[in-house]
Amino acid sequence: MPAVRTILCFGDSNTYGYIPGSGGRYEAGQRWPRRLGMLLGEGHEVLEEGLNGRTIAFADNIEPYRCGSDHILPCILSHAPVDLLIVMLGTNDTKDRYHVKAEEIGYGLEELILKVLSCRQLQDRPPQILILSPVPLGSMDGCIEFSEASRQKSLRLPAVYAQTAKDLGCHFFEAGSVIPQPGCDNIHLAPEAHDALARALEPLVRQILDQSGR
């Protein structure tokens, strides 16, 4: 029986499938990780690890248990062996209360990836890593947690992440290249955006797995 390829999607509310303006969650078949799994088909297991409010690097007393850097290794180890890790984080790190530049968000991403690459328990079978830059924010007029400064940071993230991926030998994809704008709240993805992202990732995921011999 052929081995099943395991793909772990680690992200925030746009991986969880938060519905813009409602507080609810899209049905499983509407969320991009599940849609990716359907497109990849038999022989692939796509695991969803999305959490509303998850950051790359920041612990937060307002929204506790959200620091991705703290959770990444337990998450991977609980699903090991993982063939491909897809990381899409950074939107929440642009919140005003964190007071960081886009380049500093990139430093946090680098540290998160280095944790994975240096983990002793993963050395025998390290996952391939695909970094996704999140879709930039829309207008933040009237938003409490985000501002125009947040939007400007989000516009800088694709270039920052592309360089981080190059430096660390990871794969990279710009989600904003196939999704022109987020949904009605200017933060979260609409159903058609989830579908567009899954369709764009499917050939790339196949290529990464095939080239790595997984």
Protein backbone atom coordinates (compact mmCIF):
# COMPACT_ATOMS: atom_id res chain seq x y z
CA MET A 1 0.00 0.00 0.00
CA PRO A 2 1.53 3.39 -0.98
CA ALA A 3 2.54 5.70 1.85
CA VAL A 4 0.19 8.58 2.61
CA ARG A 5 1.72 12.03 2.26
CA THR A 6 0.98 14.18 5.31
CA ILE A 7 0.60 17.95 4.87
CA LEU A 8 0.20 20.12 7.98
CA CYS A 9 -1.32 23.59 7.55
CA PHE A 10 -0.33 25.82 10.48
CA GLY A 11 -1.94 29.24 10.56
CA ASP A 12 -4.38 31.71 12.07
CA SER A 13 -8.05 32.50 11.49
CA ASN A 14 -7.63 32.34 7.72
CA THR A 15 -6.55 28.72 8.08
CA TYR A 16 -9.21 28.05 10.72
CA GLY A 17 -11.84 29.37 8.29
CA TYR A 18 -13.26 32.34 10.20
CA ILE A 19 -16.22 33.87 8.38
CA PRO A 20 -15.77 37.63 7.84
CA GLY A 21 -18.10 39.73 9.96
CA SER A 22 -19.89 36.81 11.62
CA GLY A 23 -17.70 35.10 14.20
CA GLY A 24 -18.60 31.73 12.71
CA ARG A 25 -16.55 29.13 10.84
CA TYR A 26 -16.88 27.98 7.26
CA GLU A 27 -17.96 24.40 6.67
CA ALA A 28 -15.07 21.97 6.26
CA GLY A 29 -15.37 21.73 2.50
CA GLN A 30 -15.10 25.52 2.11
CA ARG A 31 -11.83 25.94 4.01
CA TRP A 32 -8.64 26.05 1.95
CA PRO A 33 -6.83 23.16 3.72
CA ARG A 34 -9.77 20.81 3.19
CA ARG A 35 -10.19 21.99 -0.39
CA LEU A 36 -6.49 21.39 -0.96
CA GLY A 37 -6.92 17.88 0.38
CA MET A 38 -9.82 17.23 -1.99
CA LEU A 39 -7.78 18.46 -4.95
CA LEU A 40 -4.75 16.36 -4.02
CA GLY A 41 -6.95 13.31 -3.59
CA GLU A 42 -6.11 9.80 -2.48
CA GLY A 43 -2.72 9.30 -0.90
CA HIS A 44 -2.66 12.72 0.78
CA GLU A 45 -3.73 13.72 4.28
CA VAL A 46 -4.10 17.46 4.85
CA LEU A 47 -4.29 18.47 8.50
CA GLU A 48 -5.80 21.78 9.64
CA GLU A 49 -4.09 23.59 12.50
CA GLY A 50 -5.62 27.06 12.33
CA LEU A 51 -6.29 29.20 15.42
CA ASN A 52 -8.04 32.57 15.55
CA GLY A 53 -5.62 35.29 16.65
CA ARG A 54 -2.49 33.15 16.33
CA THR A 55 0.70 35.17 15.97
CA ILE A 56 4.16 34.11 14.90
CA ALA A 57 6.00 35.27 17.98
CA PHE A 58 3.82 37.10 20.50
CA ALA A 59 2.28 35.80 23.70
CA ASP A 60 -0.78 37.89 24.53
CA ASN A 61 -2.71 38.25 27.79
CA ILE A 62 -5.70 39.61 25.86
CA GLU A 63 -5.79 36.47 23.67
CA PRO A 64 -3.77 33.78 25.47
CA TYR A 65 -2.34 30.60 23.92
CA ARG A 66 -1.81 32.31 20.57
CA CYS A 67 1.99 32.27 20.12
CA GLY A 68 2.79 30.11 17.10
CA SER A 69 6.46 29.80 18.01
CA ASP A 70 5.47 28.12 21.29
CA HIS A 71 3.06 25.69 19.63
CA ILE A 72 4.76 24.74 16.36
CA LEU A 73 6.90 21.86 17.62
CA PRO A 74 4.25 20.12 19.78
CA CYS A 75 1.91 20.42 16.81
CA ILE A 76 4.34 18.85 14.33
CA LEU A 77 5.45 16.14 16.73
CA SER A 78 1.86 15.15 17.48
CA HIS A 79 1.30 14.49 13.76
CA ALA A 80 4.75 13.18 12.85
CA PRO A 81 5.96 12.16 10.40
CA VAL A 82 4.95 15.27 8.45
CA ASP A 83 6.01 15.47 4.81
CA LEU A 84 5.15 19.12 4.22
CA LEU A 85 4.57 21.95 6.68
CA ILE A 86 2.66 24.94 5.28
CA VAL A 87 2.90 28.06 7.45
CA MET A 88 0.65 31.09 6.87
CA LEU A 89 1.02 33.55 9.73
CA GLY A 90 1.85 37.20 10.31
CA THR A 91 -1.41 39.11 9.95
CA ASN A 92 -1.99 39.23 13.70
CA ASP A 93 1.62 40.29 14.32
CA THR A 94 0.79 43.57 12.53
CA LYS A 95 -1.64 44.56 15.31
CA ASP A 96 -0.88 47.96 16.80
CA ARG A 97 -0.27 46.63 20.30
CA TYR A 98 2.81 44.67 19.19
CA HIS A 99 4.68 47.74 17.87
CA VAL A 100 6.93 45.90 15.40
CA LYS A 101 8.08 46.51 11.84
CA ALA A 102 7.47 44.10 8.98
CA GLU A 103 11.13 43.15 9.10
CA GLU A 104 10.79 42.22 12.78
CA ILE A 105 7.83 40.02 11.94
CA GLY A 106 10.20 38.35 9.50
CA TYR A 107 12.70 37.79 12.31
CA GLY A 108 9.99 36.01 14.27
CA LEU A 109 9.15 33.83 11.28
CA GLU A 110 12.82 32.95 10.90
CA GLU A 111 13.02 31.85 14.53
CA LEU A 112 9.87 29.74 14.18
CA ILE A 113 11.25 27.96 11.11
CA LEU A 114 14.64 27.45 12.75
CA LYS A 115 12.92 25.71 15.66
CA VAL A 116 11.56 23.18 13.20
CA LEU A 117 14.81 22.76 11.29
CA SER A 118 16.87 22.26 14.43
CA CYS A 119 14.49 19.95 16.32
CA ARG A 120 16.37 16.75 17.20
CA GLN A 121 13.24 14.59 17.05
CA LEU A 122 12.68 15.63 13.43
CA GLN A 123 16.21 15.14 12.13
CA ASP A 124 15.58 11.67 10.71
CA ARG A 125 12.63 12.92 8.64
CA PRO A 126 12.39 16.72 8.59
CA PRO A 127 9.37 18.16 6.79
CA GLN A 128 9.62 20.23 3.67
CA ILE A 129 8.49 23.76 4.55
CA LEU A 130 6.30 26.06 2.45
CA ILE A 131 5.95 29.63 3.72
CA LEU A 132 2.88 31.57 2.60
CA SER A 133 2.75 35.33 2.93
CA PRO A 134 -0.80 36.18 4.03
CA VAL A 135 -3.19 38.28 1.95
CA PRO A 136 -2.55 41.96 2.79
CA LEU A 137 -5.12 43.77 4.88
CA GLY A 138 -7.69 46.06 3.31
CA SER A 139 -8.79 49.41 4.72
CA MET A 140 -8.57 49.46 8.50
CA ASP A 141 -10.70 52.56 9.07
CA GLY A 142 -12.58 52.13 12.34
CA CYS A 143 -10.81 48.90 13.28
CA ILE A 144 -9.75 48.64 16.94
CA GLU A 145 -6.76 46.28 16.73
CA PHE A 146 -5.42 47.13 13.28
CA SER A 147 -4.65 50.48 11.64
CA GLU A 148 -3.31 51.89 8.39
CA ALA A 149 0.17 51.18 9.80
CA SER A 150 -0.86 47.52 10.11
CA ARG A 151 -2.00 47.51 6.49
CA GLN A 152 1.29 48.97 5.34
CA LYS A 153 3.20 46.30 7.27
CA SER A 154 1.07 43.57 5.68
CA LEU A 155 1.99 44.92 2.23
CA ARG A 156 5.69 44.51 3.12
CA LEU A 157 5.41 40.91 4.28
CA PRO A 158 5.61 39.16 0.87
CA ALA A 159 9.08 40.58 0.17
CA VAL A 160 10.23 39.91 3.74
CA TYR A 161 8.94 36.33 3.69
CA ALA A 162 10.39 35.59 0.25
CA GLN A 163 13.82 36.55 1.53
CA THR A 164 13.36 34.50 4.71
CA ALA A 165 12.36 31.46 2.65
CA LYS A 166 15.40 31.92 0.40
CA ASP A 167 17.76 32.29 3.37
CA LEU A 168 16.44 29.15 5.09
CA GLY A 169 16.04 26.94 2.02
CA CYS A 170 12.24 26.86 2.26
CA HIS A 171 9.60 27.14 -0.43
CA PHE A 172 7.54 30.33 -0.77
CA PHE A 173 4.17 31.39 -2.16
CA GLU A 174 2.47 34.80 -2.05
CA ALA A 175 -1.20 34.25 -1.21
CA GLY A 176 -2.01 37.78 -2.35
CA SER A 177 -0.93 36.86 -5.88
CA VAL A 178 -4.14 34.85 -6.35
CA ILE A 179 -6.41 36.69 -3.88
CA PRO A 180 -6.75 40.41 -4.74
CA GLN A 181 -8.32 41.36 -1.40
CA PRO A 182 -9.76 39.82 1.77
CA GLY A 183 -13.49 39.56 2.52
CA CYS A 184 -15.99 42.12 3.75
CA ASP A 185 -14.12 42.86 7.00
CA ASN A 186 -10.84 43.49 5.11
CA ILE A 187 -9.06 40.81 7.17
CA HIS A 188 -10.61 37.38 6.57
CA LEU A 189 -10.96 35.40 3.36
CA ALA A 190 -14.22 34.89 1.49
CA PRO A 191 -15.15 31.36 0.29
CA GLU A 192 -13.96 32.03 -3.25
CA ALA A 193 -10.60 33.12 -1.85
CA HIS A 194 -10.23 29.84 0.07
CA ASP A 195 -10.94 28.00 -3.17
CA ALA A 196 -8.50 30.12 -5.17
CA LEU A 197 -5.73 29.52 -2.65
CA ALA A 198 -6.29 25.76 -2.61
CA ARG A 199 -6.26 25.60 -6.41
CA ALA A 200 -3.06 27.64 -6.62
CA LEU A 201 -1.31 25.51 -3.99
CA GLU A 202 -2.26 22.09 -5.36
CA PRO A 203 0.31 21.93 -8.20
CA LEU A 204 2.99 23.53 -6.03
CA VAL A 205 2.43 21.02 -3.23
CA ARG A 206 2.64 18.13 -5.69
CA GLN A 207 5.88 19.54 -7.11
CA ILE A 208 7.46 19.98 -3.68
CA LEU A 209 6.56 16.47 -2.57
CA ASP A 210 7.63 14.85 -5.84
CA GLN A 211 10.96 16.67 -5.95
CA SER A 212 11.70 15.77 -2.32
CA GLY A 213 10.98 12.10 -2.98
CA ARG A 214 8.11 11.98 -0.52
